[in-house]
Amino acid sequence: MAEVKNDEQHAIFAENVYKIFNPKTENEVVALEDVNLTAQPGEFISLIGPSGCGKSTLLRLIADLITPTSGTLHINGKTPHQSRLDRDYGMVFQAATLYQWRSVQKNVELPLEIMGYPNTVRQQRAREMLEMVELEGFGKHYPWQLSGGMQQRVSIARALAFEPSLLLMDEPFGALDEFTRERMNMELLRIWRTANVTVVFVTHSISEAVFLSSRIVVMSPRPGRITNIVNNTLPYPRDNDTRELPQYFQTVTEVRELLRDAHEVE
């Protein structure tokens, strides 16, 4: 699915991107094929598709954890490598990946510490981030003293501590129970609007993608291709009542049918 041409106003620009692992060997795997995608600053985009379709691979390409085999990929008008050097993005994984021997405050401070910020600046910024994720009273606690949802909020605070313009999230709520997950979805939307960042969010959950996203990117089974992009017109702000709207159920059905169609084409 072709997108508009590149300009420096795009938070993400991908054109004809391929990722092939072990190329020209008997173990060759085409993970992504002819991926075309743009994201505007401030968007919330979800990537959804079956397991193994390349959602996380695309996220890792954006984060410069791996490199494209071919095609063009720009982040804020720069190469992913330069964007990583410029610290344009923060990343949140399915596991919170917090250091158990560091307090919550010290975990949030960690990227600022690595970047050489003065101690007073680190402490103030970490306090601001913990307040944003509504954990201002837990700075002296340790990760093992927190629930799974609270740990993920600490992880989000840490990812946003150095004020990136882009937040990459790889199934961050996949291990949570349904009730906690729904609550975290609402927390994430509040944080997104407060922090004014672009979010790229990987999920297997149709309902989660519809509740969160301004656009939903539907991917095919491997080799992963973008088969459809759904413009989600559900109004913001969204809350529990949003999940009861006819428009919500209609969009969930639309995405489910597009995923089914993409799988049947294969």
C-alpha atoms as a PDB file:
ATOM      1  CA  MET A   1       0.000   0.000   0.000  1.00  0.00           C
ATOM      2  CA  ALA A   2       1.740   3.179  -1.198  1.00  0.00           C
ATOM      3  CA  GLU A   3       1.915   6.264   0.968  1.00  0.00           C
ATOM      4  CA  VAL A   4       2.755   9.876   0.269  1.00  0.00           C
ATOM      5  CA  LYS A   5       6.287  10.923  -0.618  1.00  0.00           C
ATOM      6  CA  ASN A   6       8.883  11.830   1.964  1.00  0.00           C
ATOM      7  CA  ASP A   7       9.380  15.182   3.600  1.00  0.00           C
ATOM      8  CA  GLU A   8      11.030  16.233   6.822  1.00  0.00           C
ATOM      9  CA  GLN A   9       7.669  16.816   8.479  1.00  0.00           C
ATOM     10  CA  HIS A  10       7.060  13.078   8.856  1.00  0.00           C
ATOM     11  CA  ALA A  11       7.837  11.471  12.190  1.00  0.00           C
ATOM     12  CA  ILE A  12       8.270   8.194  10.278  1.00  0.00           C
ATOM     13  CA  PHE A  13       8.693   7.608   6.572  1.00  0.00           C
ATOM     14  CA  ALA A  14       9.113   4.106   5.124  1.00  0.00           C
ATOM     15  CA  GLU A  15       9.198   3.428   1.390  1.00  0.00           C
ATOM     16  CA  ASN A  16       9.621  -0.016  -0.200  1.00  0.00           C
ATOM     17  CA  VAL A  17      11.271  -1.381   2.937  1.00  0.00           C
ATOM     18  CA  TYR A  18      12.359  -5.023   2.951  1.00  0.00           C
ATOM     19  CA  LYS A  19      13.944  -7.010   5.751  1.00  0.00           C
ATOM     20  CA  ILE A  20      15.445 -10.369   4.854  1.00  0.00           C
ATOM     21  CA  PHE A  21      17.241 -12.461   7.441  1.00  0.00           C
ATOM     22  CA  ASN A  22      20.032 -14.793   6.284  1.00  0.00           C
ATOM     23  CA  PRO A  23      19.792 -13.574   2.664  1.00  0.00           C
ATOM     24  CA  LYS A  24      20.888 -15.917  -0.121  1.00  0.00           C
ATOM     25  CA  THR A  25      21.177 -18.901   2.195  1.00  0.00           C
ATOM     26  CA  GLU A  26      19.006 -21.956   2.721  1.00  0.00           C
ATOM     27  CA  ASN A  27      17.772 -20.302   5.946  1.00  0.00           C
ATOM     28  CA  GLU A  28      16.619 -17.109   4.228  1.00  0.00           C
ATOM     29  CA  VAL A  29      13.521 -15.546   5.788  1.00  0.00           C
ATOM     30  CA  VAL A  30      11.691 -12.611   4.218  1.00  0.00           C
ATOM     31  CA  ALA A  31      10.326 -10.911   7.319  1.00  0.00           C
ATOM     32  CA  LEU A  32       9.064  -7.679   5.694  1.00  0.00           C
ATOM     33  CA  GLU A  33       8.198  -7.065   2.061  1.00  0.00           C
ATOM     34  CA  ASP A  34       7.620  -3.709   0.356  1.00  0.00           C
ATOM     35  CA  VAL A  35       6.520  -1.820   3.467  1.00  0.00           C
ATOM     36  CA  ASN A  36       5.269   1.726   2.862  1.00  0.00           C
ATOM     37  CA  LEU A  37       4.164   3.850   5.797  1.00  0.00           C
ATOM     38  CA  THR A  38       4.188   7.412   7.068  1.00  0.00           C
ATOM     39  CA  ALA A  39       3.365   8.833  10.484  1.00  0.00           C
ATOM     40  CA  GLN A  40       2.737  12.458  11.287  1.00  0.00           C
ATOM     41  CA  PRO A  41       4.024  14.028  14.514  1.00  0.00           C
ATOM     42  CA  GLY A  42       1.610  13.390  17.378  1.00  0.00           C
ATOM     43  CA  GLU A  43      -0.139  10.383  15.829  1.00  0.00           C
ATOM     44  CA  PHE A  44      -0.897   7.178  17.695  1.00  0.00           C
ATOM     45  CA  ILE A  45      -0.358   4.296  15.288  1.00  0.00           C
ATOM     46  CA  SER A  46      -0.898   0.630  16.103  1.00  0.00           C
ATOM     47  CA  LEU A  47       0.634  -2.248  14.150  1.00  0.00           C
ATOM     48  CA  ILE A  48      -1.558  -5.339  14.201  1.00  0.00           C
ATOM     49  CA  GLY A  49      -1.304  -8.714  12.506  1.00  0.00           C
ATOM     50  CA  PRO A  50      -0.784 -12.413  13.208  1.00  0.00           C
ATOM     51  CA  SER A  51       2.230 -13.705  15.135  1.00  0.00           C
ATOM     52  CA  GLY A  52       5.367 -13.660  13.011  1.00  0.00           C
ATOM     53  CA  CYS A  53       4.080 -11.055  10.556  1.00  0.00           C
ATOM     54  CA  GLY A  54       6.937  -8.624  11.220  1.00  0.00           C
ATOM     55  CA  LYS A  55       5.313  -6.074  13.556  1.00  0.00           C
ATOM     56  CA  SER A  56       8.168  -6.164  16.041  1.00  0.00           C
ATOM     57  CA  THR A  57      10.693  -6.347  13.202  1.00  0.00           C
ATOM     58  CA  LEU A  58       9.347  -3.086  11.810  1.00  0.00           C
ATOM     59  CA  LEU A  59       9.551  -1.519  15.269  1.00  0.00           C
ATOM     60  CA  ARG A  60      13.164  -2.691  15.611  1.00  0.00           C
ATOM     61  CA  LEU A  61      13.995  -1.179  12.211  1.00  0.00           C
ATOM     62  CA  ILE A  62      12.586   2.176  13.331  1.00  0.00           C
ATOM     63  CA  ALA A  63      14.641   1.906  16.539  1.00  0.00           C
ATOM     64  CA  ASP A  64      17.857   1.094  14.609  1.00  0.00           C
ATOM     65  CA  LEU A  65      18.207  -2.216  16.449  1.00  0.00           C
ATOM     66  CA  ILE A  66      18.433  -3.871  13.018  1.00  0.00           C
ATOM     67  CA  THR A  67      18.860  -2.376   9.544  1.00  0.00           C
ATOM     68  CA  PRO A  68      16.652  -2.704   6.440  1.00  0.00           C
ATOM     69  CA  THR A  69      17.814  -5.002   3.673  1.00  0.00           C
ATOM     70  CA  SER A  70      16.572  -2.437   1.162  1.00  0.00           C
ATOM     71  CA  GLY A  71      14.270   0.550   0.883  1.00  0.00           C
ATOM     72  CA  THR A  72      14.148   3.964   2.525  1.00  0.00           C
ATOM     73  CA  LEU A  73      13.449   4.547   6.214  1.00  0.00           C
ATOM     74  CA  HIS A  74      13.602   8.007   7.818  1.00  0.00           C
ATOM     75  CA  ILE A  75      12.780   9.078  11.367  1.00  0.00           C
ATOM     76  CA  ASN A  76      12.162  12.812  11.731  1.00  0.00           C
ATOM     77  CA  GLY A  77      13.813  13.254   8.338  1.00  0.00           C
ATOM     78  CA  LYS A  78      16.960  11.382   9.445  1.00  0.00           C
ATOM     79  CA  THR A  79      18.293   7.863   9.161  1.00  0.00           C
ATOM     80  CA  PRO A  80      17.271   5.570  12.030  1.00  0.00           C
ATOM     81  CA  HIS A  81      20.908   5.472  13.131  1.00  0.00           C
ATOM     82  CA  GLN A  82      21.157   9.256  13.378  1.00  0.00           C
ATOM     83  CA  SER A  83      17.769   9.385  15.060  1.00  0.00           C
ATOM     84  CA  ARG A  84      19.006   6.920  17.690  1.00  0.00           C
ATOM     85  CA  LEU A  85      22.174   8.982  18.230  1.00  0.00           C
ATOM     86  CA  ASP A  86      19.983  12.069  18.620  1.00  0.00           C
ATOM     87  CA  ARG A  87      17.825  10.177  21.143  1.00  0.00           C
ATOM     88  CA  ASP A  88      14.645  10.843  19.207  1.00  0.00           C
ATOM     89  CA  TYR A  89      12.814   7.846  20.631  1.00  0.00           C
ATOM     90  CA  GLY A  90      12.120   5.975  23.842  1.00  0.00           C
ATOM     91  CA  MET A  91      11.174   2.295  23.843  1.00  0.00           C
ATOM     92  CA  VAL A  92       8.913   0.183  26.052  1.00  0.00           C
ATOM     93  CA  PHE A  93       8.923  -3.617  25.819  1.00  0.00           C
ATOM     94  CA  GLN A  94       6.425  -6.262  26.941  1.00  0.00           C
ATOM     95  CA  ALA A  95       8.462  -6.811  30.100  1.00  0.00           C
ATOM     96  CA  ALA A  96       9.140  -3.679  32.127  1.00  0.00           C
ATOM     97  CA  THR A  97      12.923  -4.442  32.139  1.00  0.00           C
ATOM     98  CA  LEU A  98      13.534  -2.461  35.320  1.00  0.00           C
ATOM     99  CA  TYR A  99      16.643  -2.926  37.443  1.00  0.00           C
ATOM    100  CA  GLN A 100      15.422  -4.610  40.612  1.00  0.00           C
ATOM    101  CA  TRP A 101      18.283  -3.225  42.732  1.00  0.00           C
ATOM    102  CA  ARG A 102      17.534   0.385  41.772  1.00  0.00           C
ATOM    103  CA  SER A 103      14.657   2.321  43.261  1.00  0.00           C
ATOM    104  CA  VAL A 104      11.809   3.476  41.049  1.00  0.00           C
ATOM    105  CA  GLN A 105      13.276   6.986  41.091  1.00  0.00           C
ATOM    106  CA  LYS A 106      16.716   5.695  40.102  1.00  0.00           C
ATOM    107  CA  ASN A 107      15.247   3.550  37.308  1.00  0.00           C
ATOM    108  CA  VAL A 108      13.586   6.603  35.780  1.00  0.00           C
ATOM    109  CA  GLU A 109      16.798   8.589  36.164  1.00  0.00           C
ATOM    110  CA  LEU A 110      18.904   5.941  34.411  1.00  0.00           C
ATOM    111  CA  PRO A 111      18.837   7.284  30.799  1.00  0.00           C
ATOM    112  CA  LEU A 112      19.549  10.787  32.068  1.00  0.00           C
ATOM    113  CA  GLU A 113      22.425   9.423  34.130  1.00  0.00           C
ATOM    114  CA  ILE A 114      23.866   7.718  31.050  1.00  0.00           C
ATOM    115  CA  MET A 115      23.500  10.967  29.105  1.00  0.00           C
ATOM    116  CA  GLY A 116      25.458  12.864  31.749  1.00  0.00           C
ATOM    117  CA  TYR A 117      22.724  15.105  33.163  1.00  0.00           C
ATOM    118  CA  PRO A 118      23.534  16.737  36.519  1.00  0.00           C
ATOM    119  CA  ASN A 119      22.126  14.970  39.562  1.00  0.00           C
ATOM    120  CA  THR A 120      19.670  17.750  40.439  1.00  0.00           C
ATOM    121  CA  VAL A 121      18.282  17.779  36.884  1.00  0.00           C
ATOM    122  CA  ARG A 122      17.913  13.977  36.892  1.00  0.00           C
ATOM    123  CA  GLN A 123      16.045  14.004  40.167  1.00  0.00           C
ATOM    124  CA  GLN A 124      13.689  16.786  39.148  1.00  0.00           C
ATOM    125  CA  ARG A 125      12.902  15.236  35.766  1.00  0.00           C
ATOM    126  CA  ALA A 126      12.298  11.799  37.315  1.00  0.00           C
ATOM    127  CA  ARG A 127       9.896  13.335  39.844  1.00  0.00           C
ATOM    128  CA  GLU A 128       8.028  15.060  37.006  1.00  0.00           C
ATOM    129  CA  MET A 129       7.774  11.820  35.055  1.00  0.00           C
ATOM    130  CA  LEU A 130       6.557   9.835  38.050  1.00  0.00           C
ATOM    131  CA  GLU A 131       3.927  12.497  38.674  1.00  0.00           C
ATOM    132  CA  MET A 132       2.824  12.246  35.038  1.00  0.00           C
ATOM    133  CA  VAL A 133       2.294   8.478  35.341  1.00  0.00           C
ATOM    134  CA  GLU A 134       0.651   9.014  38.754  1.00  0.00           C
ATOM    135  CA  LEU A 135       3.349   7.255  40.784  1.00  0.00           C
ATOM    136  CA  GLU A 136       4.701  10.301  42.597  1.00  0.00           C
ATOM    137  CA  GLY A 137       4.566   8.529  45.965  1.00  0.00           C
ATOM    138  CA  PHE A 138       6.563   5.502  44.854  1.00  0.00           C
ATOM    139  CA  GLY A 139       9.989   6.918  44.027  1.00  0.00           C
ATOM    140  CA  LYS A 140      11.700   5.171  46.948  1.00  0.00           C
ATOM    141  CA  HIS A 141      10.043   1.812  46.276  1.00  0.00           C
ATOM    142  CA  TYR A 142      11.737  -0.971  44.323  1.00  0.00           C
ATOM    143  CA  PRO A 143      10.237  -2.623  41.210  1.00  0.00           C
ATOM    144  CA  TRP A 144       9.544  -5.897  43.030  1.00  0.00           C
ATOM    145  CA  GLN A 145       7.262  -3.987  45.396  1.00  0.00           C
ATOM    146  CA  LEU A 146       4.992  -2.823  42.545  1.00  0.00           C
ATOM    147  CA  SER A 147       2.248  -4.499  40.529  1.00  0.00           C
ATOM    148  CA  GLY A 148       2.815  -5.347  36.865  1.00  0.00           C
ATOM    149  CA  GLY A 149       0.806  -2.356  35.700  1.00  0.00           C
ATOM    150  CA  MET A 150       2.722  -0.016  37.990  1.00  0.00           C
ATOM    151  CA  GLN A 151       6.024  -1.394  36.741  1.00  0.00           C
ATOM    152  CA  GLN A 152       4.980  -0.659  33.163  1.00  0.00           C
ATOM    153  CA  ARG A 153       4.117   2.891  34.138  1.00  0.00           C
ATOM    154  CA  VAL A 154       7.648   3.244  35.548  1.00  0.00           C
ATOM    155  CA  SER A 155       8.984   1.885  32.246  1.00  0.00           C
ATOM    156  CA  ILE A 156       6.973   4.482  30.317  1.00  0.00           C
ATOM    157  CA  ALA A 157       8.207   7.246  32.646  1.00  0.00           C
ATOM    158  CA  ARG A 158      11.794   6.144  32.032  1.00  0.00           C
ATOM    159  CA  ALA A 159      11.264   6.050  28.243  1.00  0.00           C
ATOM    160  CA  LEU A 160       9.935   9.625  28.310  1.00  0.00           C
ATOM    161  CA  ALA A 161      12.446  11.027  30.810  1.00  0.00           C
ATOM    162  CA  PHE A 162      14.727  12.550  28.160  1.00  0.00           C
ATOM    163  CA  GLU A 163      11.785  14.029  26.209  1.00  0.00           C
ATOM    164  CA  PRO A 164      11.893  11.959  22.998  1.00  0.00           C
ATOM    165  CA  SER A 165       9.547  12.881  20.169  1.00  0.00           C
ATOM    166  CA  LEU A 166       8.722   9.231  19.451  1.00  0.00           C
ATOM    167  CA  LEU A 167       7.606   6.422  21.770  1.00  0.00           C
ATOM    168  CA  LEU A 168       7.967   2.837  20.484  1.00  0.00           C
ATOM    169  CA  MET A 169       5.957   0.202  22.355  1.00  0.00           C
ATOM    170  CA  ASP A 170       6.199  -3.550  21.723  1.00  0.00           C
ATOM    171  CA  GLU A 171       3.135  -5.229  23.272  1.00  0.00           C
ATOM    172  CA  PRO A 172       3.701  -3.427  26.572  1.00  0.00           C
ATOM    173  CA  PHE A 173       0.472  -4.680  28.166  1.00  0.00           C
ATOM    174  CA  GLY A 174       0.388  -8.199  26.745  1.00  0.00           C
ATOM    175  CA  ALA A 175       1.198  -9.875  30.072  1.00  0.00           C
ATOM    176  CA  LEU A 176      -1.436  -7.979  32.089  1.00  0.00           C
ATOM    177  CA  ASP A 177      -4.902  -9.202  33.015  1.00  0.00           C
ATOM    178  CA  GLU A 178      -7.770  -7.739  30.991  1.00  0.00           C
ATOM    179  CA  PHE A 179      -8.979  -5.315  33.662  1.00  0.00           C
ATOM    180  CA  THR A 180      -5.489  -3.920  34.303  1.00  0.00           C
ATOM    181  CA  ARG A 181      -4.835  -3.771  30.574  1.00  0.00           C
ATOM    182  CA  GLU A 182      -7.927  -1.657  29.945  1.00  0.00           C
ATOM    183  CA  ARG A 183      -6.950   0.693  32.754  1.00  0.00           C
ATOM    184  CA  MET A 184      -3.416   0.955  31.362  1.00  0.00           C
ATOM    185  CA  ASN A 185      -4.854   1.781  27.935  1.00  0.00           C
ATOM    186  CA  MET A 186      -6.592   4.803  29.432  1.00  0.00           C
ATOM    187  CA  GLU A 187      -3.430   5.763  31.319  1.00  0.00           C
ATOM    188  CA  LEU A 188      -1.408   5.549  28.119  1.00  0.00           C
ATOM    189  CA  LEU A 189      -3.803   7.820  26.241  1.00  0.00           C
ATOM    190  CA  ARG A 190      -3.584  10.379  29.040  1.00  0.00           C
ATOM    191  CA  ILE A 191       0.232  10.201  29.013  1.00  0.00           C
ATOM    192  CA  TRP A 192       0.336  10.419  25.204  1.00  0.00           C
ATOM    193  CA  ARG A 193      -1.712  13.580  25.175  1.00  0.00           C
ATOM    194  CA  THR A 194       0.264  15.094  28.059  1.00  0.00           C
ATOM    195  CA  ALA A 195       3.697  14.279  26.621  1.00  0.00           C
ATOM    196  CA  ASN A 196       2.751  15.222  23.023  1.00  0.00           C
ATOM    197  CA  VAL A 197       4.716  12.386  21.415  1.00  0.00           C
ATOM    198  CA  THR A 198       4.209  10.160  18.382  1.00  0.00           C
ATOM    199  CA  VAL A 199       3.438   6.578  19.420  1.00  0.00           C
ATOM    200  CA  VAL A 200       3.989   3.379  17.419  1.00  0.00           C
ATOM    201  CA  PHE A 201       2.336   0.531  19.306  1.00  0.00           C
ATOM    202  CA  VAL A 202       2.575  -3.189  18.518  1.00  0.00           C
ATOM    203  CA  THR A 203      -0.352  -5.333  19.646  1.00  0.00           C
ATOM    204  CA  HIS A 204      -2.204  -8.562  18.902  1.00  0.00           C
ATOM    205  CA  SER A 205      -5.418  -7.173  20.374  1.00  0.00           C
ATOM    206  CA  ILE A 206      -7.951  -5.710  17.933  1.00  0.00           C
ATOM    207  CA  SER A 207      -9.950  -4.041  20.704  1.00  0.00           C
ATOM    208  CA  GLU A 208      -6.789  -2.466  22.154  1.00  0.00           C
ATOM    209  CA  ALA A 209      -5.698  -1.137  18.755  1.00  0.00           C
ATOM    210  CA  VAL A 210      -9.123   0.381  18.130  1.00  0.00           C
ATOM    211  CA  PHE A 211      -9.365   1.950  21.576  1.00  0.00           C
ATOM    212  CA  LEU A 212      -5.933   3.565  21.418  1.00  0.00           C
ATOM    213  CA  SER A 213      -5.110   4.475  17.866  1.00  0.00           C
ATOM    214  CA  SER A 214      -5.670   7.324  15.475  1.00  0.00           C
ATOM    215  CA  ARG A 215      -4.650   4.884  12.701  1.00  0.00           C
ATOM    216  CA  ILE A 216      -4.441   1.091  12.669  1.00  0.00           C
ATOM    217  CA  VAL A 217      -1.911  -0.570  10.352  1.00  0.00           C
ATOM    218  CA  VAL A 218      -3.045  -4.060   9.319  1.00  0.00           C
ATOM    219  CA  MET A 219      -0.284  -6.495   8.342  1.00  0.00           C
ATOM    220  CA  SER A 220      -0.337  -9.800   6.486  1.00  0.00           C
ATOM    221  CA  PRO A 221       1.236 -13.097   7.572  1.00  0.00           C
ATOM    222  CA  ARG A 222       4.930 -13.452   6.700  1.00  0.00           C
ATOM    223  CA  PRO A 223       6.318 -12.042   4.566  1.00  0.00           C
ATOM    224  CA  GLY A 224       4.877  -9.061   6.393  1.00  0.00           C
ATOM    225  CA  ARG A 225       3.188  -6.480   4.207  1.00  0.00           C
ATOM    226  CA  ILE A 226       0.899  -3.584   5.056  1.00  0.00           C
ATOM    227  CA  THR A 227      -2.417  -4.614   3.549  1.00  0.00           C
ATOM    228  CA  ASN A 228      -4.633  -1.842   4.925  1.00  0.00           C
ATOM    229  CA  ILE A 229      -4.537   1.272   7.069  1.00  0.00           C
ATOM    230  CA  VAL A 230      -7.703   2.120   9.011  1.00  0.00           C
ATOM    231  CA  ASN A 231      -8.291   5.762   9.877  1.00  0.00           C
ATOM    232  CA  ASN A 232      -9.909   5.563  13.295  1.00  0.00           C
ATOM    233  CA  THR A 233     -12.421   8.377  13.703  1.00  0.00           C
ATOM    234  CA  LEU A 234     -13.431   7.564  17.280  1.00  0.00           C
ATOM    235  CA  PRO A 235     -13.289  10.916  19.083  1.00  0.00           C
ATOM    236  CA  TYR A 236     -10.711  11.702  21.752  1.00  0.00           C
ATOM    237  CA  PRO A 237     -10.613  11.762  24.732  1.00  0.00           C
ATOM    238  CA  ARG A 238     -11.609   8.104  25.122  1.00  0.00           C
ATOM    239  CA  ASP A 239     -12.813   6.360  28.267  1.00  0.00           C
ATOM    240  CA  ASN A 240     -14.789   3.292  29.332  1.00  0.00           C
ATOM    241  CA  ASP A 241     -17.881   4.651  27.609  1.00  0.00           C
ATOM    242  CA  THR A 242     -15.987   4.619  24.300  1.00  0.00           C
ATOM    243  CA  ARG A 243     -16.031   0.814  24.380  1.00  0.00           C
ATOM    244  CA  GLU A 244     -19.838   0.890  24.387  1.00  0.00           C
ATOM    245  CA  LEU A 245     -20.206   3.070  21.271  1.00  0.00           C
ATOM    246  CA  PRO A 246     -21.607   1.511  18.073  1.00  0.00           C
ATOM    247  CA  GLN A 247     -18.716   3.142  16.179  1.00  0.00           C
ATOM    248  CA  TYR A 248     -16.239   1.280  18.385  1.00  0.00           C
ATOM    249  CA  PHE A 249     -17.821  -2.091  17.606  1.00  0.00           C
ATOM    250  CA  GLN A 250     -18.014  -1.219  13.918  1.00  0.00           C
ATOM    251  CA  THR A 251     -14.299  -0.386  13.812  1.00  0.00           C
ATOM    252  CA  VAL A 252     -13.400  -3.581  15.700  1.00  0.00           C
ATOM    253  CA  THR A 253     -15.404  -5.562  13.133  1.00  0.00           C
ATOM    254  CA  GLU A 254     -13.749  -3.726  10.252  1.00  0.00           C
ATOM    255  CA  VAL A 255     -10.244  -4.474  11.527  1.00  0.00           C
ATOM    256  CA  ARG A 256     -11.119  -8.117  12.244  1.00  0.00           C
ATOM    257  CA  GLU A 257     -12.435  -8.599   8.701  1.00  0.00           C
ATOM    258  CA  LEU A 258      -9.357  -6.940   7.192  1.00  0.00           C
ATOM    259  CA  LEU A 259      -7.110  -9.257   9.203  1.00  0.00           C
ATOM    260  CA  ARG A 260      -9.133 -12.257   8.074  1.00  0.00           C
ATOM    261  CA  ASP A 261      -8.965 -11.131   4.448  1.00  0.00           C
ATOM    262  CA  ALA A 262      -5.203 -10.603   4.674  1.00  0.00           C
ATOM    263  CA  HIS A 263      -4.758 -14.109   6.063  1.00  0.00           C
ATOM    264  CA  GLU A 264      -6.989 -15.716   3.435  1.00  0.00           C
ATOM    265  CA  VAL A 265      -5.096 -14.021   0.604  1.00  0.00           C
ATOM    266  CA  GLU A 266      -1.974 -15.815   1.762  1.00  0.00           C
END
